[in-house]
Amino acid sequence: MLIIIRNFLFLFLFLFLFLSISYKSFSSEVLLTKTVTNITQATEASTSIEAVPGDVIEYNLYVLNDTKNVISNIQISASVPQFTVSAMVIDCNTSSLPSALSCQVMTPDGINRSGYQGLVTWKLLGNLNVGEIAKVSYQVIIK
């Protein structure tokens, strides 16, 4: 949603971006939580924020295994939203993943570098045990 107020462009970023998750499990209690933070304005993590051109925004995607079984081969997909570009290379930040998971990032719409726009997919290989949380994140700049 774009709103022009007093000759400034305000972009309200909601987490209605393309997001999907797939996994292998025997039950369906896998929870996906999404938050967004305006790094430039030092806002709290929320489901929506206000931002202006030049602001750096961070998206955090959390996967909680609330099943009674280990889940494996998780794939999380999101996109760099319209009117933004990636602020840096999108990585896995393995410090936010349980030790039993490894990660690969795919950017099928171009080279994974600052300025990328398009689909991002994190492949989490290995097991996410019951009660564990895996987190992936990425930062974008408002155009």
N, C-alpha and C. Protein backbone atom coordinates (compact mmCIF):
# COMPACT_ATOMS: atom_id res chain seq x y z
N MET A 1 0.85 -1.16 0.00
CA MET A 1 0.00 0.00 0.00
C MET A 1 0.90 1.22 0.00
N LEU A 2 0.70 2.11 -0.94
CA LEU A 2 1.47 3.34 -1.01
C LEU A 2 0.57 4.51 -0.67
N ILE A 3 1.07 5.40 0.17
CA ILE A 3 0.32 6.59 0.55
C ILE A 3 1.26 7.77 0.45
N ILE A 4 0.83 8.83 -0.20
CA ILE A 4 1.65 10.03 -0.29
C ILE A 4 1.08 11.06 0.67
N ILE A 5 1.90 11.50 1.62
CA ILE A 5 1.50 12.47 2.62
C ILE A 5 2.55 13.57 2.66
N ARG A 6 2.14 14.82 2.47
CA ARG A 6 3.06 15.96 2.54
C ARG A 6 4.30 15.75 1.68
N ASN A 7 4.11 15.35 0.47
CA ASN A 7 5.18 15.15 -0.50
C ASN A 7 6.19 14.08 -0.11
N PHE A 8 5.88 13.28 0.89
CA PHE A 8 6.73 12.15 1.25
C PHE A 8 6.02 10.87 0.87
N LEU A 9 6.78 9.94 0.44
CA LEU A 9 6.23 8.64 0.09
C LEU A 9 6.37 7.73 1.30
N PHE A 10 5.25 7.26 1.80
CA PHE A 10 5.26 6.32 2.91
C PHE A 10 4.84 4.97 2.37
N LEU A 11 5.59 3.98 2.70
CA LEU A 11 5.27 2.64 2.26
C LEU A 11 4.95 1.83 3.50
N PHE A 12 3.71 1.40 3.59
CA PHE A 12 3.31 0.55 4.71
C PHE A 12 3.60 -0.87 4.30
N LEU A 13 4.49 -1.50 5.01
CA LEU A 13 4.87 -2.87 4.68
C LEU A 13 4.14 -3.83 5.59
N PHE A 14 3.32 -4.61 4.99
CA PHE A 14 2.62 -5.66 5.71
C PHE A 14 3.23 -6.98 5.30
N LEU A 15 3.03 -7.97 6.06
CA LEU A 15 3.60 -9.27 5.72
C LEU A 15 2.66 -10.07 4.84
N PHE A 16 2.15 -9.41 3.82
CA PHE A 16 1.35 -10.08 2.82
C PHE A 16 2.22 -10.42 1.64
N LEU A 17 3.52 -10.60 1.86
CA LEU A 17 4.41 -10.97 0.79
C LEU A 17 4.24 -12.45 0.52
N PHE A 18 4.67 -12.83 -0.65
CA PHE A 18 4.58 -14.24 -1.02
C PHE A 18 5.42 -15.05 -0.05
N LEU A 19 4.81 -16.00 0.60
CA LEU A 19 5.51 -16.80 1.57
C LEU A 19 4.93 -18.19 1.58
N SER A 20 5.77 -19.16 1.52
CA SER A 20 5.28 -20.53 1.59
C SER A 20 6.30 -21.38 2.34
N ILE A 21 5.82 -22.48 2.83
CA ILE A 21 6.70 -23.42 3.52
C ILE A 21 6.26 -24.83 3.15
N SER A 22 7.22 -25.69 2.92
CA SER A 22 6.90 -27.09 2.69
C SER A 22 7.85 -27.92 3.55
N TYR A 23 7.40 -29.09 3.94
CA TYR A 23 8.17 -29.93 4.83
C TYR A 23 7.61 -31.34 4.78
N LYS A 24 8.36 -32.26 5.36
CA LYS A 24 7.89 -33.64 5.48
C LYS A 24 7.63 -33.92 6.95
N SER A 25 6.42 -34.32 7.28
CA SER A 25 6.05 -34.62 8.66
C SER A 25 4.82 -35.52 8.66
N PHE A 26 4.55 -36.14 9.80
CA PHE A 26 3.37 -36.99 9.93
C PHE A 26 2.19 -36.27 10.55
N SER A 27 2.35 -35.04 10.96
CA SER A 27 1.22 -34.25 11.47
C SER A 27 1.38 -32.81 11.00
N SER A 28 0.41 -31.96 11.31
CA SER A 28 0.37 -30.65 10.67
C SER A 28 0.50 -29.47 11.62
N GLU A 29 1.19 -29.60 12.72
CA GLU A 29 1.33 -28.51 13.67
C GLU A 29 2.67 -27.81 13.53
N VAL A 30 2.98 -27.41 12.32
CA VAL A 30 4.17 -26.61 12.07
C VAL A 30 3.69 -25.17 11.97
N LEU A 31 4.29 -24.29 12.77
CA LEU A 31 3.85 -22.90 12.82
C LEU A 31 4.88 -22.00 12.16
N LEU A 32 4.40 -21.13 11.29
CA LEU A 32 5.25 -20.15 10.62
C LEU A 32 4.87 -18.78 11.14
N THR A 33 5.84 -18.04 11.66
CA THR A 33 5.62 -16.69 12.16
C THR A 33 6.49 -15.74 11.37
N LYS A 34 5.94 -14.59 11.01
CA LYS A 34 6.68 -13.60 10.23
C LYS A 34 6.66 -12.28 10.98
N THR A 35 7.82 -11.63 11.06
CA THR A 35 7.88 -10.29 11.63
C THR A 35 8.71 -9.40 10.72
N VAL A 36 8.52 -8.10 10.89
CA VAL A 36 9.29 -7.13 10.14
C VAL A 36 9.73 -6.03 11.10
N THR A 37 10.95 -5.55 10.91
CA THR A 37 11.52 -4.50 11.74
C THR A 37 12.13 -3.43 10.84
N ASN A 38 11.89 -2.18 11.17
CA ASN A 38 12.55 -1.09 10.46
C ASN A 38 13.87 -0.85 11.18
N ILE A 39 14.97 -1.32 10.59
CA ILE A 39 16.29 -1.21 11.19
C ILE A 39 16.70 0.26 11.28
N THR A 40 16.43 1.02 10.22
CA THR A 40 16.81 2.43 10.18
C THR A 40 16.15 3.23 11.29
N GLN A 41 14.87 2.99 11.52
CA GLN A 41 14.13 3.73 12.53
C GLN A 41 14.12 3.02 13.89
N ALA A 42 14.81 1.89 13.99
CA ALA A 42 14.92 1.12 15.24
C ALA A 42 13.56 0.80 15.85
N THR A 43 12.65 0.28 15.02
CA THR A 43 11.33 -0.09 15.51
C THR A 43 11.35 -1.50 16.11
N GLU A 44 10.33 -1.79 16.87
CA GLU A 44 10.14 -3.14 17.41
C GLU A 44 9.68 -4.06 16.29
N ALA A 45 9.95 -5.35 16.42
CA ALA A 45 9.46 -6.34 15.46
C ALA A 45 7.93 -6.36 15.53
N SER A 46 7.30 -6.41 14.36
CA SER A 46 5.85 -6.35 14.28
C SER A 46 5.40 -7.07 13.01
N THR A 47 4.08 -7.06 12.77
CA THR A 47 3.58 -7.62 11.52
C THR A 47 3.39 -6.55 10.46
N SER A 48 3.51 -5.27 10.82
CA SER A 48 3.47 -4.18 9.84
C SER A 48 4.28 -3.01 10.38
N ILE A 49 4.81 -2.21 9.47
CA ILE A 49 5.61 -1.05 9.86
C ILE A 49 5.38 0.08 8.89
N GLU A 50 5.88 1.25 9.23
CA GLU A 50 5.94 2.37 8.31
C GLU A 50 7.40 2.53 7.91
N ALA A 51 7.61 2.91 6.66
CA ALA A 51 8.96 3.10 6.17
C ALA A 51 8.96 4.14 5.07
N VAL A 52 10.10 4.77 4.87
CA VAL A 52 10.27 5.76 3.81
C VAL A 52 11.44 5.30 2.94
N PRO A 53 11.53 5.84 1.71
CA PRO A 53 12.65 5.45 0.84
C PRO A 53 13.99 5.61 1.55
N GLY A 54 14.83 4.59 1.38
CA GLY A 54 16.15 4.58 2.00
C GLY A 54 16.20 3.78 3.30
N ASP A 55 15.06 3.50 3.92
CA ASP A 55 15.04 2.72 5.15
C ASP A 55 15.44 1.27 4.88
N VAL A 56 16.15 0.67 5.83
CA VAL A 56 16.50 -0.75 5.78
C VAL A 56 15.50 -1.50 6.64
N ILE A 57 14.89 -2.50 6.05
CA ILE A 57 13.85 -3.31 6.68
C ILE A 57 14.36 -4.74 6.81
N GLU A 58 14.10 -5.36 7.97
CA GLU A 58 14.49 -6.76 8.14
C GLU A 58 13.24 -7.63 8.32
N TYR A 59 13.15 -8.69 7.51
CA TYR A 59 12.10 -9.68 7.63
C TYR A 59 12.68 -10.89 8.35
N ASN A 60 11.96 -11.39 9.35
CA ASN A 60 12.35 -12.60 10.08
C ASN A 60 11.24 -13.63 9.93
N LEU A 61 11.61 -14.84 9.55
CA LEU A 61 10.68 -15.93 9.34
C LEU A 61 11.06 -17.06 10.29
N TYR A 62 10.11 -17.45 11.14
CA TYR A 62 10.35 -18.47 12.15
C TYR A 62 9.50 -19.70 11.84
N VAL A 63 10.11 -20.86 11.93
CA VAL A 63 9.40 -22.12 11.78
C VAL A 63 9.51 -22.87 13.11
N LEU A 64 8.36 -23.15 13.72
CA LEU A 64 8.31 -23.88 14.99
C LEU A 64 7.75 -25.27 14.73
N ASN A 65 8.48 -26.28 15.15
CA ASN A 65 7.99 -27.65 15.05
C ASN A 65 7.20 -27.96 16.31
N ASP A 66 5.89 -27.80 16.22
CA ASP A 66 5.00 -28.07 17.34
C ASP A 66 4.26 -29.39 17.12
N THR A 67 4.88 -30.27 16.35
CA THR A 67 4.30 -31.59 16.10
C THR A 67 4.79 -32.56 17.16
N LYS A 68 4.46 -33.80 16.99
CA LYS A 68 4.97 -34.85 17.88
C LYS A 68 6.07 -35.64 17.20
N ASN A 69 6.52 -35.14 16.04
CA ASN A 69 7.54 -35.83 15.27
C ASN A 69 8.59 -34.84 14.78
N VAL A 70 9.74 -35.39 14.45
CA VAL A 70 10.79 -34.61 13.79
C VAL A 70 10.29 -34.25 12.40
N ILE A 71 10.57 -33.05 11.94
CA ILE A 71 10.27 -32.71 10.54
C ILE A 71 11.59 -32.52 9.81
N SER A 72 11.58 -32.75 8.52
CA SER A 72 12.83 -32.68 7.76
C SER A 72 12.60 -32.03 6.41
N ASN A 73 13.72 -31.64 5.82
CA ASN A 73 13.73 -31.08 4.47
C ASN A 73 12.73 -29.94 4.32
N ILE A 74 12.87 -28.95 5.16
CA ILE A 74 11.99 -27.77 5.16
C ILE A 74 12.42 -26.82 4.06
N GLN A 75 11.46 -26.27 3.39
CA GLN A 75 11.74 -25.26 2.36
C GLN A 75 10.86 -24.05 2.64
N ILE A 76 11.49 -22.88 2.78
CA ILE A 76 10.77 -21.64 3.04
C ILE A 76 11.00 -20.72 1.85
N SER A 77 9.92 -20.18 1.30
CA SER A 77 10.04 -19.25 0.17
C SER A 77 9.39 -17.92 0.52
N ALA A 78 10.04 -16.86 0.14
CA ALA A 78 9.51 -15.50 0.32
C ALA A 78 10.02 -14.69 -0.86
N SER A 79 9.62 -13.45 -0.93
CA SER A 79 10.12 -12.62 -2.01
C SER A 79 10.60 -11.29 -1.47
N VAL A 80 11.53 -10.70 -2.17
CA VAL A 80 11.92 -9.32 -1.89
C VAL A 80 10.76 -8.49 -2.44
N PRO A 81 10.02 -7.80 -1.55
CA PRO A 81 8.78 -7.12 -1.98
C PRO A 81 9.00 -6.04 -3.03
N GLN A 82 7.93 -5.75 -3.75
CA GLN A 82 7.94 -4.68 -4.74
C GLN A 82 8.36 -3.38 -4.04
N PHE A 83 9.04 -2.53 -4.73
CA PHE A 83 9.54 -1.24 -4.24
C PHE A 83 10.70 -1.40 -3.26
N THR A 84 11.32 -2.58 -3.23
CA THR A 84 12.49 -2.81 -2.39
C THR A 84 13.53 -3.61 -3.18
N VAL A 85 14.77 -3.62 -2.67
CA VAL A 85 15.83 -4.49 -3.19
C VAL A 85 16.58 -5.03 -1.97
N SER A 86 17.25 -6.16 -2.14
CA SER A 86 17.99 -6.72 -1.00
C SER A 86 19.11 -5.76 -0.60
N ALA A 87 19.31 -5.65 0.69
CA ALA A 87 20.33 -4.75 1.22
C ALA A 87 21.72 -5.38 1.17
N MET A 88 21.77 -6.71 1.13
CA MET A 88 23.03 -7.44 1.14
C MET A 88 22.77 -8.84 0.61
N VAL A 89 23.81 -9.62 0.50
CA VAL A 89 23.67 -11.03 0.11
C VAL A 89 22.77 -11.70 1.15
N ILE A 90 21.81 -12.47 0.67
CA ILE A 90 20.90 -13.19 1.57
C ILE A 90 21.56 -14.51 1.92
N ASP A 91 21.71 -14.75 3.24
CA ASP A 91 22.37 -15.98 3.67
C ASP A 91 21.49 -16.75 4.64
N CYS A 92 22.06 -17.77 5.23
CA CYS A 92 21.30 -18.63 6.14
C CYS A 92 21.44 -18.24 7.59
N ASN A 93 22.44 -17.45 7.94
CA ASN A 93 22.69 -17.10 9.33
C ASN A 93 22.56 -18.34 10.20
N THR A 94 23.50 -19.25 10.05
CA THR A 94 23.40 -20.55 10.72
C THR A 94 23.35 -20.45 12.24
N SER A 95 23.68 -19.30 12.81
CA SER A 95 23.56 -19.15 14.26
C SER A 95 22.10 -19.14 14.70
N SER A 96 21.18 -18.93 13.74
CA SER A 96 19.75 -18.93 14.05
C SER A 96 19.08 -20.26 13.76
N LEU A 97 19.89 -21.26 13.44
CA LEU A 97 19.36 -22.59 13.11
C LEU A 97 19.84 -23.61 14.13
N PRO A 98 18.99 -24.58 14.46
CA PRO A 98 19.45 -25.68 15.31
C PRO A 98 20.62 -26.41 14.63
N SER A 99 21.47 -26.99 15.43
CA SER A 99 22.69 -27.60 14.89
C SER A 99 22.42 -28.77 13.94
N ALA A 100 21.25 -29.38 14.00
CA ALA A 100 20.93 -30.51 13.13
C ALA A 100 20.51 -30.07 11.73
N LEU A 101 20.45 -28.77 11.49
CA LEU A 101 20.04 -28.26 10.17
C LEU A 101 21.20 -27.58 9.46
N SER A 102 21.26 -27.81 8.17
CA SER A 102 22.14 -27.02 7.31
C SER A 102 21.23 -26.27 6.34
N CYS A 103 21.76 -25.30 5.66
CA CYS A 103 20.90 -24.41 4.87
C CYS A 103 21.54 -24.05 3.55
N GLN A 104 20.70 -23.90 2.55
CA GLN A 104 21.09 -23.38 1.25
C GLN A 104 20.10 -22.29 0.87
N VAL A 105 20.60 -21.20 0.29
CA VAL A 105 19.74 -20.12 -0.20
C VAL A 105 19.75 -20.15 -1.72
N MET A 106 18.55 -20.04 -2.29
CA MET A 106 18.43 -19.98 -3.74
C MET A 106 17.71 -18.69 -4.13
N THR A 107 18.21 -18.04 -5.15
CA THR A 107 17.59 -16.83 -5.69
C THR A 107 17.40 -17.04 -7.19
N PRO A 108 16.30 -17.69 -7.58
CA PRO A 108 16.12 -18.08 -8.98
C PRO A 108 15.92 -16.92 -9.95
N ASP A 109 15.65 -15.72 -9.44
CA ASP A 109 15.41 -14.58 -10.33
C ASP A 109 16.66 -13.74 -10.59
N GLY A 110 17.82 -14.22 -10.15
CA GLY A 110 19.05 -13.47 -10.40
C GLY A 110 20.14 -13.87 -9.42
N ILE A 111 21.24 -13.12 -9.48
CA ILE A 111 22.39 -13.39 -8.64
C ILE A 111 22.11 -12.88 -7.22
N ASN A 112 22.45 -13.68 -6.23
CA ASN A 112 22.25 -13.34 -4.83
C ASN A 112 23.30 -12.31 -4.43
N ARG A 113 22.91 -11.04 -4.49
CA ARG A 113 23.80 -9.94 -4.11
C ARG A 113 22.95 -8.74 -3.72
N SER A 114 23.59 -7.75 -3.18
CA SER A 114 22.90 -6.51 -2.85
C SER A 114 22.19 -5.99 -4.10
N GLY A 115 20.93 -5.59 -3.96
CA GLY A 115 20.16 -5.11 -5.11
C GLY A 115 19.26 -6.16 -5.73
N TYR A 116 19.32 -7.41 -5.24
CA TYR A 116 18.50 -8.49 -5.78
C TYR A 116 17.02 -8.20 -5.53
N GLN A 117 16.20 -8.59 -6.49
CA GLN A 117 14.75 -8.51 -6.31
C GLN A 117 14.14 -9.78 -6.91
N GLY A 118 13.26 -10.42 -6.16
CA GLY A 118 12.61 -11.63 -6.65
C GLY A 118 12.44 -12.66 -5.55
N LEU A 119 12.23 -13.89 -5.96
CA LEU A 119 11.98 -15.00 -5.05
C LEU A 119 13.25 -15.40 -4.30
N VAL A 120 13.08 -15.75 -3.03
CA VAL A 120 14.16 -16.28 -2.20
C VAL A 120 13.65 -17.57 -1.58
N THR A 121 14.47 -18.61 -1.66
CA THR A 121 14.10 -19.89 -1.06
C THR A 121 15.24 -20.38 -0.18
N TRP A 122 14.90 -20.72 1.05
CA TRP A 122 15.85 -21.34 1.99
C TRP A 122 15.50 -22.81 2.07
N LYS A 123 16.47 -23.68 1.75
CA LYS A 123 16.30 -25.12 1.93
C LYS A 123 17.01 -25.49 3.22
N LEU A 124 16.22 -25.95 4.19
CA LEU A 124 16.78 -26.38 5.46
C LEU A 124 16.88 -27.90 5.43
N LEU A 125 18.08 -28.39 5.35
CA LEU A 125 18.32 -29.82 5.22
C LEU A 125 18.68 -30.40 6.58
N GLY A 126 18.13 -31.54 6.87
CA GLY A 126 18.33 -32.17 8.16
C GLY A 126 17.02 -32.21 8.92
N ASN A 127 17.11 -32.24 10.24
CA ASN A 127 15.92 -32.42 11.06
C ASN A 127 15.68 -31.23 11.98
N LEU A 128 14.40 -30.86 12.08
CA LEU A 128 13.95 -29.88 13.08
C LEU A 128 13.19 -30.69 14.12
N ASN A 129 13.78 -30.81 15.29
CA ASN A 129 13.20 -31.64 16.34
C ASN A 129 11.96 -30.99 16.95
N VAL A 130 11.19 -31.78 17.65
CA VAL A 130 9.98 -31.31 18.32
C VAL A 130 10.34 -30.15 19.25
N GLY A 131 9.59 -29.06 19.14
CA GLY A 131 9.79 -27.89 19.99
C GLY A 131 10.86 -26.93 19.53
N GLU A 132 11.62 -27.28 18.50
CA GLU A 132 12.69 -26.41 18.02
C GLU A 132 12.15 -25.36 17.06
N ILE A 133 12.90 -24.25 16.98
CA ILE A 133 12.57 -23.15 16.08
C ILE A 133 13.76 -22.91 15.16
N ALA A 134 13.46 -22.76 13.87
CA ALA A 134 14.46 -22.35 12.89
C ALA A 134 14.09 -20.94 12.43
N LYS A 135 15.07 -20.07 12.30
CA LYS A 135 14.82 -18.70 11.87
C LYS A 135 15.70 -18.36 10.68
N VAL A 136 15.08 -17.77 9.66
CA VAL A 136 15.82 -17.19 8.55
C VAL A 136 15.40 -15.73 8.44
N SER A 137 16.28 -14.92 7.91
CA SER A 137 15.96 -13.49 7.80
C SER A 137 16.67 -12.88 6.60
N TYR A 138 16.17 -11.73 6.21
CA TYR A 138 16.82 -10.98 5.15
C TYR A 138 16.45 -9.52 5.28
N GLN A 139 17.33 -8.67 4.74
CA GLN A 139 17.12 -7.23 4.82
C GLN A 139 16.94 -6.65 3.43
N VAL A 140 16.05 -5.66 3.36
CA VAL A 140 15.80 -4.97 2.10
C VAL A 140 15.90 -3.46 2.34
N ILE A 141 16.10 -2.74 1.25
CA ILE A 141 16.11 -1.28 1.27
C ILE A 141 14.90 -0.79 0.50
N ILE A 142 14.18 0.16 1.07
CA ILE A 142 13.02 0.77 0.39
C ILE A 142 13.54 1.68 -0.71
N LYS A 143 13.02 1.48 -1.92
CA LYS A 143 13.43 2.33 -3.05
C LYS A 143 12.75 3.69 -2.96
